[in-house]
Amino acid sequence: MDIEGPTKLIAGEETSLYCKATKFPENTSVTWLEKRRGQVYEIPEYHGGDNEEEERLMDTQYEVISCREEPNFTSSLKFRPNVTNHKDVTFICRYSCGEEKKEKAFHCRAIYAKPQLVQPISRSLIISGEMKYLITLENFYPRDITIRWTRGIGEPQEALPSTETFTDIPDGTSNVYSEVTIPERLLKDPEFRVRVSWEHESLDTPGYKDLSIRDSEYPWIPVVEEIQTPDIFRNTPVTLQCHISKYFPDDITVTWLRKSKNQEICEETDNMVSNTITPRRGDGNAYSCTASLTITPTLSVHQGAEYICRVDHPSLERPIEKRTENLIVMA
């Protein structure tokens, strides 16, 4: 009977071909062969450690299993296809009894390699104030692939313009690099989402990846340093400072809180002269700033109090807090 096998051969995935014979004489034997570029090679039932055999079969591991159960004689060939070894290869299953031979052929026309997302999607900042996403899909075949970038999850979605660059690999597969730029203003919304999806003949359903400023891999979460507290004297203005760096986009919110000796926490409004943030671009085009709070201490309000600098940013699930020790007001 005809050889049975998958309609698609997927590179790297274990594949089995089956051939069944009926009404066979008792001394029937079965042999699998491989026809490549006009040459026919017999596939042994087992090969391992034989360098000459592996070179002849292009290092491909095959396994042949035959089973006689009246009235059928079934033989199977197991292997893992790849584009280099099996594109346009023909497998032959030959049943022999004495001088009589009957054989069936299976031609590997439709062989595919699935696109692999090996590296995480990269993010980088552009000096113009945009963020760039770059996805790399590797080792797929054939070369035709569709990549789409959209903003928003569900419906409706808005398409984003992207740029694709292809690279052909010596093993016959291809890589593609696709990039898209996102304006900074959009990233100030913590609900903003980007989806990249890809369609390829090897895939039953499109692959996709959702991206957000709230992802654990997002690299530009604010780094908040400890509050700098100078000596504090009664009725003398003093400035507390908190340095914040390596964040993007420029959308920092700072709240200063005061915790009194009796553990009450209130937002600092009294005695406050300034609460100034001036952002600046640093290495890698991320932002940094220094939040400052100037107060005029009194013994009744500030002695033993604790200050909290609460920093919020669209990339944060919850704000970051830094605290001073209990203040000592000197007179």
C-alpha atoms as a PDB file:
ATOM      1  CA  MET A   1       0.000   0.000   0.000  1.00  0.00           C
ATOM      2  CA  ASP A   2       1.044   3.627  -0.323  1.00  0.00           C
ATOM      3  CA  ILE A   3       3.342   5.102   2.298  1.00  0.00           C
ATOM      4  CA  GLU A   4       1.409   7.058   4.895  1.00  0.00           C
ATOM      5  CA  GLY A   5       2.946  10.194   6.355  1.00  0.00           C
ATOM      6  CA  PRO A   6       2.165  13.730   7.463  1.00  0.00           C
ATOM      7  CA  THR A   7       1.022  16.309   4.937  1.00  0.00           C
ATOM      8  CA  LYS A   8       3.676  18.669   6.346  1.00  0.00           C
ATOM      9  CA  LEU A   9       7.137  17.687   7.443  1.00  0.00           C
ATOM     10  CA  ILE A  10       8.249  20.024  10.239  1.00  0.00           C
ATOM     11  CA  ALA A  11      11.979  20.384  10.780  1.00  0.00           C
ATOM     12  CA  GLY A  12      13.102  19.125  14.177  1.00  0.00           C
ATOM     13  CA  GLU A  13       9.851  17.311  15.006  1.00  0.00           C
ATOM     14  CA  GLU A  14       9.868  13.523  15.102  1.00  0.00           C
ATOM     15  CA  THR A  15       8.150  12.130  12.025  1.00  0.00           C
ATOM     16  CA  SER A  16       7.039   8.597  11.137  1.00  0.00           C
ATOM     17  CA  LEU A  17       6.348   7.110   7.722  1.00  0.00           C
ATOM     18  CA  TYR A  18       4.340   3.867   7.524  1.00  0.00           C
ATOM     19  CA  CYS A  19       4.064   1.295   4.768  1.00  0.00           C
ATOM     20  CA  LYS A  20       1.854  -1.794   4.975  1.00  0.00           C
ATOM     21  CA  ALA A  21       1.844  -4.952   2.865  1.00  0.00           C
ATOM     22  CA  THR A  22      -0.726  -7.775   2.749  1.00  0.00           C
ATOM     23  CA  LYS A  23      -0.751 -11.278   1.221  1.00  0.00           C
ATOM     24  CA  PHE A  24       3.004 -11.549   1.634  1.00  0.00           C
ATOM     25  CA  PRO A  25       5.001 -14.792   1.506  1.00  0.00           C
ATOM     26  CA  GLU A  26       6.657 -15.903   4.722  1.00  0.00           C
ATOM     27  CA  ASN A  27      10.200 -15.062   3.592  1.00  0.00           C
ATOM     28  CA  THR A  28       9.327 -11.423   2.687  1.00  0.00           C
ATOM     29  CA  SER A  29      11.790  -8.752   3.881  1.00  0.00           C
ATOM     30  CA  VAL A  30      11.460  -4.970   3.931  1.00  0.00           C
ATOM     31  CA  THR A  31      14.066  -2.304   3.205  1.00  0.00           C
ATOM     32  CA  TRP A  32      13.915   1.496   3.425  1.00  0.00           C
ATOM     33  CA  LEU A  33      15.931   3.573   0.993  1.00  0.00           C
ATOM     34  CA  GLU A  34      16.665   7.251   0.542  1.00  0.00           C
ATOM     35  CA  LYS A  35      17.000   8.870  -2.879  1.00  0.00           C
ATOM     36  CA  ARG A  36      18.877  12.153  -2.881  1.00  0.00           C
ATOM     37  CA  ARG A  37      20.200  14.003  -5.921  1.00  0.00           C
ATOM     38  CA  GLY A  38      19.865  10.915  -8.095  1.00  0.00           C
ATOM     39  CA  GLN A  39      21.704   8.619  -5.652  1.00  0.00           C
ATOM     40  CA  VAL A  40      19.909   5.862  -3.730  1.00  0.00           C
ATOM     41  CA  TYR A  41      21.119   4.819  -0.272  1.00  0.00           C
ATOM     42  CA  GLU A  42      19.882   1.951   1.851  1.00  0.00           C
ATOM     43  CA  ILE A  43      18.857   2.972   5.377  1.00  0.00           C
ATOM     44  CA  PRO A  44      20.026   0.340   7.903  1.00  0.00           C
ATOM     45  CA  GLU A  45      17.659  -0.627  10.704  1.00  0.00           C
ATOM     46  CA  TYR A  46      20.141   0.883  13.129  1.00  0.00           C
ATOM     47  CA  HIS A  47      23.265   2.959  12.785  1.00  0.00           C
ATOM     48  CA  GLY A  48      25.223   4.612  15.542  1.00  0.00           C
ATOM     49  CA  GLY A  49      28.902   5.361  15.906  1.00  0.00           C
ATOM     50  CA  ASP A  50      29.647   4.434  12.293  1.00  0.00           C
ATOM     51  CA  ASN A  51      31.230   7.589  10.875  1.00  0.00           C
ATOM     52  CA  GLU A  52      31.043   6.433   7.276  1.00  0.00           C
ATOM     53  CA  GLU A  53      27.372   5.528   7.657  1.00  0.00           C
ATOM     54  CA  GLU A  54      26.529   8.843   9.334  1.00  0.00           C
ATOM     55  CA  GLU A  55      28.333  10.817   6.641  1.00  0.00           C
ATOM     56  CA  ARG A  56      26.508   8.923   3.909  1.00  0.00           C
ATOM     57  CA  LEU A  57      23.147   9.635   5.563  1.00  0.00           C
ATOM     58  CA  MET A  58      24.140  13.259   6.304  1.00  0.00           C
ATOM     59  CA  ASP A  59      24.287  12.679  10.080  1.00  0.00           C
ATOM     60  CA  THR A  60      20.568  11.956  10.223  1.00  0.00           C
ATOM     61  CA  GLN A  61      19.387   9.452  12.813  1.00  0.00           C
ATOM     62  CA  TYR A  62      16.853   6.996  11.443  1.00  0.00           C
ATOM     63  CA  GLU A  63      14.956   4.215  13.171  1.00  0.00           C
ATOM     64  CA  VAL A  64      13.308   1.389  11.245  1.00  0.00           C
ATOM     65  CA  ILE A  65      10.663  -0.753  12.972  1.00  0.00           C
ATOM     66  CA  SER A  66       8.953  -3.689  11.254  1.00  0.00           C
ATOM     67  CA  CYS A  67       6.046  -5.735  12.604  1.00  0.00           C
ATOM     68  CA  ARG A  68       4.369  -8.895  11.217  1.00  0.00           C
ATOM     69  CA  GLU A  69       0.796  -9.381  12.370  1.00  0.00           C
ATOM     70  CA  GLU A  70      -1.296 -11.486  10.022  1.00  0.00           C
ATOM     71  CA  PRO A  71      -2.536 -10.439   7.547  1.00  0.00           C
ATOM     72  CA  ASN A  72      -0.320  -7.312   7.605  1.00  0.00           C
ATOM     73  CA  PHE A  73       3.401  -6.685   7.430  1.00  0.00           C
ATOM     74  CA  THR A  74       3.944  -3.057   8.551  1.00  0.00           C
ATOM     75  CA  SER A  75       7.202  -1.149   8.532  1.00  0.00           C
ATOM     76  CA  SER A  76       7.824   2.374   9.834  1.00  0.00           C
ATOM     77  CA  LEU A  77      10.653   4.851   9.446  1.00  0.00           C
ATOM     78  CA  LYS A  78      11.212   7.421  12.212  1.00  0.00           C
ATOM     79  CA  PHE A  79      13.415  10.478  11.803  1.00  0.00           C
ATOM     80  CA  ARG A  80      13.620  14.205  12.482  1.00  0.00           C
ATOM     81  CA  PRO A  81      13.479  16.186   9.230  1.00  0.00           C
ATOM     82  CA  ASN A  82      15.577  19.219   8.498  1.00  0.00           C
ATOM     83  CA  VAL A  83      15.662  21.479   5.478  1.00  0.00           C
ATOM     84  CA  THR A  84      19.250  20.686   4.431  1.00  0.00           C
ATOM     85  CA  ASN A  85      18.926  16.902   4.597  1.00  0.00           C
ATOM     86  CA  HIS A  86      15.399  16.259   3.401  1.00  0.00           C
ATOM     87  CA  LYS A  87      14.244  18.943   0.970  1.00  0.00           C
ATOM     88  CA  ASP A  88      13.348  17.129  -2.302  1.00  0.00           C
ATOM     89  CA  VAL A  89      14.426  13.764  -0.869  1.00  0.00           C
ATOM     90  CA  THR A  90      12.396  10.664  -1.754  1.00  0.00           C
ATOM     91  CA  PHE A  91      11.976   7.773   0.699  1.00  0.00           C
ATOM     92  CA  ILE A  92      11.354   4.312  -0.743  1.00  0.00           C
ATOM     93  CA  CYS A  93       9.889   1.344   1.100  1.00  0.00           C
ATOM     94  CA  ARG A  94      10.780  -1.906  -0.720  1.00  0.00           C
ATOM     95  CA  TYR A  95       9.234  -5.307   0.041  1.00  0.00           C
ATOM     96  CA  SER A  96      11.261  -8.236  -1.353  1.00  0.00           C
ATOM     97  CA  CYS A  97      10.636 -11.955  -1.711  1.00  0.00           C
ATOM     98  CA  GLY A  98      13.256 -13.776  -3.732  1.00  0.00           C
ATOM     99  CA  GLU A  99      13.629 -11.974  -7.038  1.00  0.00           C
ATOM    100  CA  GLU A 100      10.284 -10.200  -6.712  1.00  0.00           C
ATOM    101  CA  LYS A 101      10.286  -6.649  -5.371  1.00  0.00           C
ATOM    102  CA  LYS A 102       7.500  -4.149  -4.807  1.00  0.00           C
ATOM    103  CA  GLU A 103       8.081  -0.632  -3.579  1.00  0.00           C
ATOM    104  CA  LYS A 104       6.333   2.638  -2.790  1.00  0.00           C
ATOM    105  CA  ALA A 105       7.805   6.133  -2.672  1.00  0.00           C
ATOM    106  CA  PHE A 106       7.222   9.197  -0.471  1.00  0.00           C
ATOM    107  CA  HIS A 107       8.586  12.487  -1.797  1.00  0.00           C
ATOM    108  CA  CYS A 108       9.448  15.237   0.718  1.00  0.00           C
ATOM    109  CA  ARG A 109       8.157  18.217  -1.214  1.00  0.00           C
ATOM    110  CA  ALA A 110       6.407  20.030   1.635  1.00  0.00           C
ATOM    111  CA  ILE A 111       9.047  20.510   4.319  1.00  0.00           C
ATOM    112  CA  TYR A 112       8.843  23.417   6.715  1.00  0.00           C
ATOM    113  CA  ALA A 113      10.853  24.927   9.537  1.00  0.00           C
ATOM    114  CA  LYS A 114       8.999  26.859  12.213  1.00  0.00           C
ATOM    115  CA  PRO A 115      10.189  30.383  13.046  1.00  0.00           C
ATOM    116  CA  GLN A 116      11.983  30.342  16.391  1.00  0.00           C
ATOM    117  CA  LEU A 117      11.802  33.194  18.902  1.00  0.00           C
ATOM    118  CA  VAL A 118      15.128  32.383  20.552  1.00  0.00           C
ATOM    119  CA  GLN A 119      16.041  35.825  21.885  1.00  0.00           C
ATOM    120  CA  PRO A 120      13.751  38.033  23.962  1.00  0.00           C
ATOM    121  CA  ILE A 121      12.252  40.979  22.105  1.00  0.00           C
ATOM    122  CA  SER A 122      14.704  43.833  22.612  1.00  0.00           C
ATOM    123  CA  ARG A 123      13.899  47.410  23.598  1.00  0.00           C
ATOM    124  CA  SER A 124      16.080  50.440  23.025  1.00  0.00           C
ATOM    125  CA  LEU A 125      15.658  54.193  23.385  1.00  0.00           C
ATOM    126  CA  ILE A 126      16.191  56.596  20.520  1.00  0.00           C
ATOM    127  CA  ILE A 127      17.549  60.085  21.095  1.00  0.00           C
ATOM    128  CA  SER A 128      14.443  61.524  19.426  1.00  0.00           C
ATOM    129  CA  GLY A 129      12.419  60.357  22.419  1.00  0.00           C
ATOM    130  CA  GLU A 130      10.983  57.109  21.043  1.00  0.00           C
ATOM    131  CA  MET A 131      11.321  53.493  22.098  1.00  0.00           C
ATOM    132  CA  LYS A 132      12.200  50.806  19.564  1.00  0.00           C
ATOM    133  CA  TYR A 133      11.026  47.204  19.738  1.00  0.00           C
ATOM    134  CA  LEU A 134      13.040  44.613  17.772  1.00  0.00           C
ATOM    135  CA  ILE A 135      11.980  40.991  17.286  1.00  0.00           C
ATOM    136  CA  THR A 136      14.209  38.318  15.712  1.00  0.00           C
ATOM    137  CA  LEU A 137      12.630  35.155  14.269  1.00  0.00           C
ATOM    138  CA  GLU A 138      15.160  32.520  13.290  1.00  0.00           C
ATOM    139  CA  ASN A 139      15.608  29.396  11.156  1.00  0.00           C
ATOM    140  CA  PHE A 140      12.298  29.239   9.303  1.00  0.00           C
ATOM    141  CA  TYR A 141      11.531  27.812   5.874  1.00  0.00           C
ATOM    142  CA  PRO A 142      10.180  28.750   3.396  1.00  0.00           C
ATOM    143  CA  ARG A 143      11.252  32.400   3.429  1.00  0.00           C
ATOM    144  CA  ASP A 144       7.748  33.907   3.155  1.00  0.00           C
ATOM    145  CA  ILE A 145       6.528  35.183   6.530  1.00  0.00           C
ATOM    146  CA  THR A 146       4.086  37.895   7.622  1.00  0.00           C
ATOM    147  CA  ILE A 147       4.823  40.013  10.694  1.00  0.00           C
ATOM    148  CA  ARG A 148       2.287  42.482  12.084  1.00  0.00           C
ATOM    149  CA  TRP A 149       2.662  45.049  14.861  1.00  0.00           C
ATOM    150  CA  THR A 150      -0.523  46.455  16.389  1.00  0.00           C
ATOM    151  CA  ARG A 151      -1.381  48.663  19.344  1.00  0.00           C
ATOM    152  CA  GLY A 152      -4.152  47.504  21.647  1.00  0.00           C
ATOM    153  CA  ILE A 153      -5.345  44.030  22.639  1.00  0.00           C
ATOM    154  CA  GLY A 154      -8.654  42.692  21.329  1.00  0.00           C
ATOM    155  CA  GLU A 155     -10.704  44.823  18.977  1.00  0.00           C
ATOM    156  CA  PRO A 156     -10.171  47.320  17.529  1.00  0.00           C
ATOM    157  CA  GLN A 157      -6.428  47.209  16.894  1.00  0.00           C
ATOM    158  CA  GLU A 158      -4.388  49.854  15.127  1.00  0.00           C
ATOM    159  CA  ALA A 159      -1.593  48.721  12.795  1.00  0.00           C
ATOM    160  CA  LEU A 160       1.884  50.115  13.431  1.00  0.00           C
ATOM    161  CA  PRO A 161       4.393  50.625  10.592  1.00  0.00           C
ATOM    162  CA  SER A 162       7.431  48.365  10.840  1.00  0.00           C
ATOM    163  CA  THR A 163      10.643  47.541   8.978  1.00  0.00           C
ATOM    164  CA  GLU A 164      11.782  43.976   8.173  1.00  0.00           C
ATOM    165  CA  THR A 165      15.272  42.766   7.260  1.00  0.00           C
ATOM    166  CA  PHE A 166      15.904  39.196   6.059  1.00  0.00           C
ATOM    167  CA  THR A 167      19.063  37.102   6.323  1.00  0.00           C
ATOM    168  CA  ASP A 168      19.546  33.762   4.532  1.00  0.00           C
ATOM    169  CA  ILE A 169      21.325  31.029   6.524  1.00  0.00           C
ATOM    170  CA  PRO A 170      23.660  28.441   4.910  1.00  0.00           C
ATOM    171  CA  ASP A 171      21.398  25.569   6.048  1.00  0.00           C
ATOM    172  CA  GLY A 172      18.666  26.869   3.739  1.00  0.00           C
ATOM    173  CA  THR A 173      16.565  28.593   6.402  1.00  0.00           C
ATOM    174  CA  SER A 174      16.093  32.319   6.982  1.00  0.00           C
ATOM    175  CA  ASN A 175      16.102  34.856   9.801  1.00  0.00           C
ATOM    176  CA  VAL A 176      14.068  38.042   9.919  1.00  0.00           C
ATOM    177  CA  TYR A 177      14.502  41.165  12.051  1.00  0.00           C
ATOM    178  CA  SER A 178      11.425  43.347  12.480  1.00  0.00           C
ATOM    179  CA  GLU A 179      11.417  46.670  14.309  1.00  0.00           C
ATOM    180  CA  VAL A 180       8.856  49.293  15.238  1.00  0.00           C
ATOM    181  CA  THR A 181       9.140  52.632  17.057  1.00  0.00           C
ATOM    182  CA  ILE A 182       6.719  53.806  19.758  1.00  0.00           C
ATOM    183  CA  PRO A 183       6.319  57.516  20.641  1.00  0.00           C
ATOM    184  CA  GLU A 184       7.097  58.365  24.259  1.00  0.00           C
ATOM    185  CA  ARG A 185       3.674  59.945  24.861  1.00  0.00           C
ATOM    186  CA  LEU A 186       1.921  56.595  24.314  1.00  0.00           C
ATOM    187  CA  LEU A 187       4.034  54.873  26.952  1.00  0.00           C
ATOM    188  CA  LYS A 188       2.786  57.234  29.644  1.00  0.00           C
ATOM    189  CA  ASP A 189      -0.440  55.232  29.690  1.00  0.00           C
ATOM    190  CA  PRO A 190       0.191  52.076  31.798  1.00  0.00           C
ATOM    191  CA  GLU A 191      -2.641  50.344  29.906  1.00  0.00           C
ATOM    192  CA  PHE A 192      -0.924  50.827  26.539  1.00  0.00           C
ATOM    193  CA  ARG A 193      -0.164  47.500  24.844  1.00  0.00           C
ATOM    194  CA  VAL A 194       1.660  46.405  21.712  1.00  0.00           C
ATOM    195  CA  ARG A 195       1.202  43.020  20.049  1.00  0.00           C
ATOM    196  CA  VAL A 196       3.546  41.514  17.482  1.00  0.00           C
ATOM    197  CA  SER A 197       2.233  38.493  15.584  1.00  0.00           C
ATOM    198  CA  TRP A 198       3.678  36.315  12.842  1.00  0.00           C
ATOM    199  CA  GLU A 199       2.111  33.955  10.322  1.00  0.00           C
ATOM    200  CA  HIS A 200       3.992  31.206   8.492  1.00  0.00           C
ATOM    201  CA  GLU A 201       3.058  28.101   6.512  1.00  0.00           C
ATOM    202  CA  SER A 202       4.615  25.891   9.205  1.00  0.00           C
ATOM    203  CA  LEU A 203       2.266  27.207  11.909  1.00  0.00           C
ATOM    204  CA  ASP A 204      -1.305  26.056  12.461  1.00  0.00           C
ATOM    205  CA  THR A 205      -2.064  29.298  14.292  1.00  0.00           C
ATOM    206  CA  PRO A 206      -0.130  32.606  14.275  1.00  0.00           C
ATOM    207  CA  GLY A 207       2.510  33.157  16.909  1.00  0.00           C
ATOM    208  CA  TYR A 208       2.343  36.345  18.949  1.00  0.00           C
ATOM    209  CA  LYS A 209       3.825  38.255  21.853  1.00  0.00           C
ATOM    210  CA  ASP A 210       2.195  41.012  23.917  1.00  0.00           C
ATOM    211  CA  LEU A 211       4.366  43.846  25.172  1.00  0.00           C
ATOM    212  CA  SER A 212       3.739  46.416  27.881  1.00  0.00           C
ATOM    213  CA  ILE A 213       5.576  48.914  30.018  1.00  0.00           C
ATOM    214  CA  ARG A 214       4.494  46.736  32.959  1.00  0.00           C
ATOM    215  CA  ASP A 215       6.367  43.641  31.665  1.00  0.00           C
ATOM    216  CA  SER A 216       8.892  42.137  34.062  1.00  0.00           C
ATOM    217  CA  GLU A 217      11.534  42.505  31.314  1.00  0.00           C
ATOM    218  CA  TYR A 218      10.930  46.258  30.933  1.00  0.00           C
ATOM    219  CA  PRO A 219      14.361  47.805  31.661  1.00  0.00           C
ATOM    220  CA  TRP A 220      13.537  51.447  32.469  1.00  0.00           C
ATOM    221  CA  ILE A 221      11.925  51.196  35.886  1.00  0.00           C
ATOM    222  CA  PRO A 222      12.947  54.083  38.169  1.00  0.00           C
ATOM    223  CA  VAL A 223      15.957  53.544  40.388  1.00  0.00           C
ATOM    224  CA  VAL A 224      15.302  55.503  43.581  1.00  0.00           C
ATOM    225  CA  GLU A 225      18.229  56.277  45.880  1.00  0.00           C
ATOM    226  CA  GLU A 226      18.120  56.878  49.605  1.00  0.00           C
ATOM    227  CA  ILE A 227      17.007  60.324  50.772  1.00  0.00           C
ATOM    228  CA  GLN A 228      19.901  62.691  51.419  1.00  0.00           C
ATOM    229  CA  THR A 229      19.346  64.379  54.780  1.00  0.00           C
ATOM    230  CA  PRO A 230      21.712  67.132  56.006  1.00  0.00           C
ATOM    231  CA  ASP A 231      21.958  68.351  59.606  1.00  0.00           C
ATOM    232  CA  ILE A 232      18.671  69.867  60.744  1.00  0.00           C
ATOM    233  CA  PHE A 233      18.391  73.027  62.841  1.00  0.00           C
ATOM    234  CA  ARG A 234      15.251  74.561  64.312  1.00  0.00           C
ATOM    235  CA  ASN A 235      13.699  77.381  62.246  1.00  0.00           C
ATOM    236  CA  THR A 236      16.408  77.023  59.575  1.00  0.00           C
ATOM    237  CA  PRO A 237      15.246  75.933  56.074  1.00  0.00           C
ATOM    238  CA  VAL A 238      16.678  72.563  55.060  1.00  0.00           C
ATOM    239  CA  THR A 239      16.328  70.581  51.825  1.00  0.00           C
ATOM    240  CA  LEU A 240      15.804  66.840  51.595  1.00  0.00           C
ATOM    241  CA  GLN A 241      16.801  65.312  48.267  1.00  0.00           C
ATOM    242  CA  CYS A 242      16.032  62.029  46.554  1.00  0.00           C
ATOM    243  CA  HIS A 243      17.780  61.102  43.296  1.00  0.00           C
ATOM    244  CA  ILE A 244      15.776  59.125  40.715  1.00  0.00           C
ATOM    245  CA  SER A 245      17.356  57.674  37.565  1.00  0.00           C
ATOM    246  CA  LYS A 246      17.167  55.244  34.610  1.00  0.00           C
ATOM    247  CA  TYR A 247      13.455  55.661  33.886  1.00  0.00           C
ATOM    248  CA  PHE A 248      11.444  56.102  30.693  1.00  0.00           C
ATOM    249  CA  PRO A 249       9.101  57.727  29.769  1.00  0.00           C
ATOM    250  CA  ASP A 250       9.374  61.085  31.520  1.00  0.00           C
ATOM    251  CA  ASP A 251       6.328  60.705  33.736  1.00  0.00           C
ATOM    252  CA  ILE A 252       7.475  60.694  37.356  1.00  0.00           C
ATOM    253  CA  THR A 253       5.145  61.584  40.227  1.00  0.00           C
ATOM    254  CA  VAL A 254       6.697  62.308  43.626  1.00  0.00           C
ATOM    255  CA  THR A 255       4.777  62.637  46.869  1.00  0.00           C
ATOM    256  CA  TRP A 256       6.435  63.588  50.164  1.00  0.00           C
ATOM    257  CA  LEU A 257       4.878  62.189  53.339  1.00  0.00           C
ATOM    258  CA  ARG A 258       5.635  62.899  56.972  1.00  0.00           C
ATOM    259  CA  LYS A 259       5.248  60.248  59.654  1.00  0.00           C
ATOM    260  CA  SER A 260       4.976  61.761  63.121  1.00  0.00           C
ATOM    261  CA  LYS A 261       6.180  60.298  66.414  1.00  0.00           C
ATOM    262  CA  ASN A 262       2.692  58.900  67.054  1.00  0.00           C
ATOM    263  CA  GLN A 263       2.826  56.994  63.713  1.00  0.00           C
ATOM    264  CA  GLU A 264       0.391  59.264  61.864  1.00  0.00           C
ATOM    265  CA  ILE A 265       1.221  59.738  58.166  1.00  0.00           C
ATOM    266  CA  CYS A 266       0.212  62.863  56.280  1.00  0.00           C
ATOM    267  CA  GLU A 267       1.159  64.399  52.962  1.00  0.00           C
ATOM    268  CA  GLU A 268       3.668  67.186  53.549  1.00  0.00           C
ATOM    269  CA  THR A 269       2.178  70.555  52.724  1.00  0.00           C
ATOM    270  CA  ASP A 270       3.013  72.712  55.726  1.00  0.00           C
ATOM    271  CA  ASN A 271       6.432  74.330  55.897  1.00  0.00           C
ATOM    272  CA  MET A 272       7.196  73.206  52.348  1.00  0.00           C
ATOM    273  CA  VAL A 273       8.976  75.724  50.176  1.00  0.00           C
ATOM    274  CA  SER A 274       9.784  73.677  47.051  1.00  0.00           C
ATOM    275  CA  ASN A 275       9.234  70.298  45.480  1.00  0.00           C
ATOM    276  CA  THR A 276      11.070  70.594  42.189  1.00  0.00           C
ATOM    277  CA  ILE A 277      11.834  67.952  39.565  1.00  0.00           C
ATOM    278  CA  THR A 278      13.918  68.825  36.503  1.00  0.00           C
ATOM    279  CA  PRO A 279      14.396  65.732  34.300  1.00  0.00           C
ATOM    280  CA  ARG A 280      17.485  65.249  32.152  1.00  0.00           C
ATOM    281  CA  ARG A 281      18.548  62.600  29.647  1.00  0.00           C
ATOM    282  CA  GLY A 282      21.399  60.362  30.699  1.00  0.00           C
ATOM    283  CA  ASP A 283      23.278  57.344  29.352  1.00  0.00           C
ATOM    284  CA  GLY A 284      21.150  55.257  27.021  1.00  0.00           C
ATOM    285  CA  ASN A 285      18.682  58.154  26.637  1.00  0.00           C
ATOM    286  CA  ALA A 286      16.859  57.315  29.886  1.00  0.00           C
ATOM    287  CA  TYR A 287      15.801  60.067  32.272  1.00  0.00           C
ATOM    288  CA  SER A 288      17.048  61.077  35.702  1.00  0.00           C
ATOM    289  CA  CYS A 289      16.036  63.802  38.156  1.00  0.00           C
ATOM    290  CA  THR A 290      16.359  64.890  41.750  1.00  0.00           C
ATOM    291  CA  ALA A 291      13.237  65.406  43.812  1.00  0.00           C
ATOM    292  CA  SER A 292      13.717  67.945  46.616  1.00  0.00           C
ATOM    293  CA  LEU A 293      11.675  69.055  49.574  1.00  0.00           C
ATOM    294  CA  THR A 294      12.571  72.184  51.545  1.00  0.00           C
ATOM    295  CA  ILE A 295      11.114  72.534  55.041  1.00  0.00           C
ATOM    296  CA  THR A 296      11.584  74.846  57.989  1.00  0.00           C
ATOM    297  CA  PRO A 297      11.826  72.482  60.985  1.00  0.00           C
ATOM    298  CA  THR A 298      10.211  73.054  64.356  1.00  0.00           C
ATOM    299  CA  LEU A 299      10.669  71.006  67.492  1.00  0.00           C
ATOM    300  CA  SER A 300       6.945  70.393  67.903  1.00  0.00           C
ATOM    301  CA  VAL A 301       6.345  69.087  64.362  1.00  0.00           C
ATOM    302  CA  HIS A 302       9.626  67.611  63.130  1.00  0.00           C
ATOM    303  CA  GLN A 303      11.450  66.266  66.165  1.00  0.00           C
ATOM    304  CA  GLY A 304      11.431  62.449  65.791  1.00  0.00           C
ATOM    305  CA  ALA A 305       9.408  62.590  62.581  1.00  0.00           C
ATOM    306  CA  GLU A 306      10.191  60.452  59.541  1.00  0.00           C
ATOM    307  CA  TYR A 307       9.975  61.563  55.896  1.00  0.00           C
ATOM    308  CA  ILE A 308       8.866  59.306  53.059  1.00  0.00           C
ATOM    309  CA  CYS A 309       9.549  59.975  49.379  1.00  0.00           C
ATOM    310  CA  ARG A 310       6.964  58.081  47.322  1.00  0.00           C
ATOM    311  CA  VAL A 311       7.814  57.733  43.613  1.00  0.00           C
ATOM    312  CA  ASP A 312       5.284  56.556  41.022  1.00  0.00           C
ATOM    313  CA  HIS A 313       5.777  55.814  37.316  1.00  0.00           C
ATOM    314  CA  PRO A 314       3.679  54.102  34.591  1.00  0.00           C
ATOM    315  CA  SER A 315       6.058  51.089  34.676  1.00  0.00           C
ATOM    316  CA  LEU A 316       5.349  50.415  38.371  1.00  0.00           C
ATOM    317  CA  GLU A 317       2.574  48.222  39.761  1.00  0.00           C
ATOM    318  CA  ARG A 318       2.959  50.095  43.052  1.00  0.00           C
ATOM    319  CA  PRO A 319       5.025  53.156  44.015  1.00  0.00           C
ATOM    320  CA  ILE A 320       8.580  52.927  45.347  1.00  0.00           C
ATOM    321  CA  GLU A 321       9.160  54.443  48.793  1.00  0.00           C
ATOM    322  CA  LYS A 322      12.347  55.643  50.478  1.00  0.00           C
ATOM    323  CA  ARG A 323      12.416  56.777  54.112  1.00  0.00           C
ATOM    324  CA  THR A 324      14.616  58.883  56.324  1.00  0.00           C
ATOM    325  CA  GLU A 325      15.525  57.883  59.844  1.00  0.00           C
ATOM    326  CA  ASN A 326      13.748  59.718  62.682  1.00  0.00           C
ATOM    327  CA  LEU A 327      14.780  63.353  62.395  1.00  0.00           C
ATOM    328  CA  ILE A 328      16.847  64.972  65.085  1.00  0.00           C
ATOM    329  CA  VAL A 329      16.167  68.714  65.212  1.00  0.00           C
ATOM    330  CA  MET A 330      18.917  70.684  66.900  1.00  0.00           C
ATOM    331  CA  ALA A 331      18.595  74.155  68.356  1.00  0.00           C
END
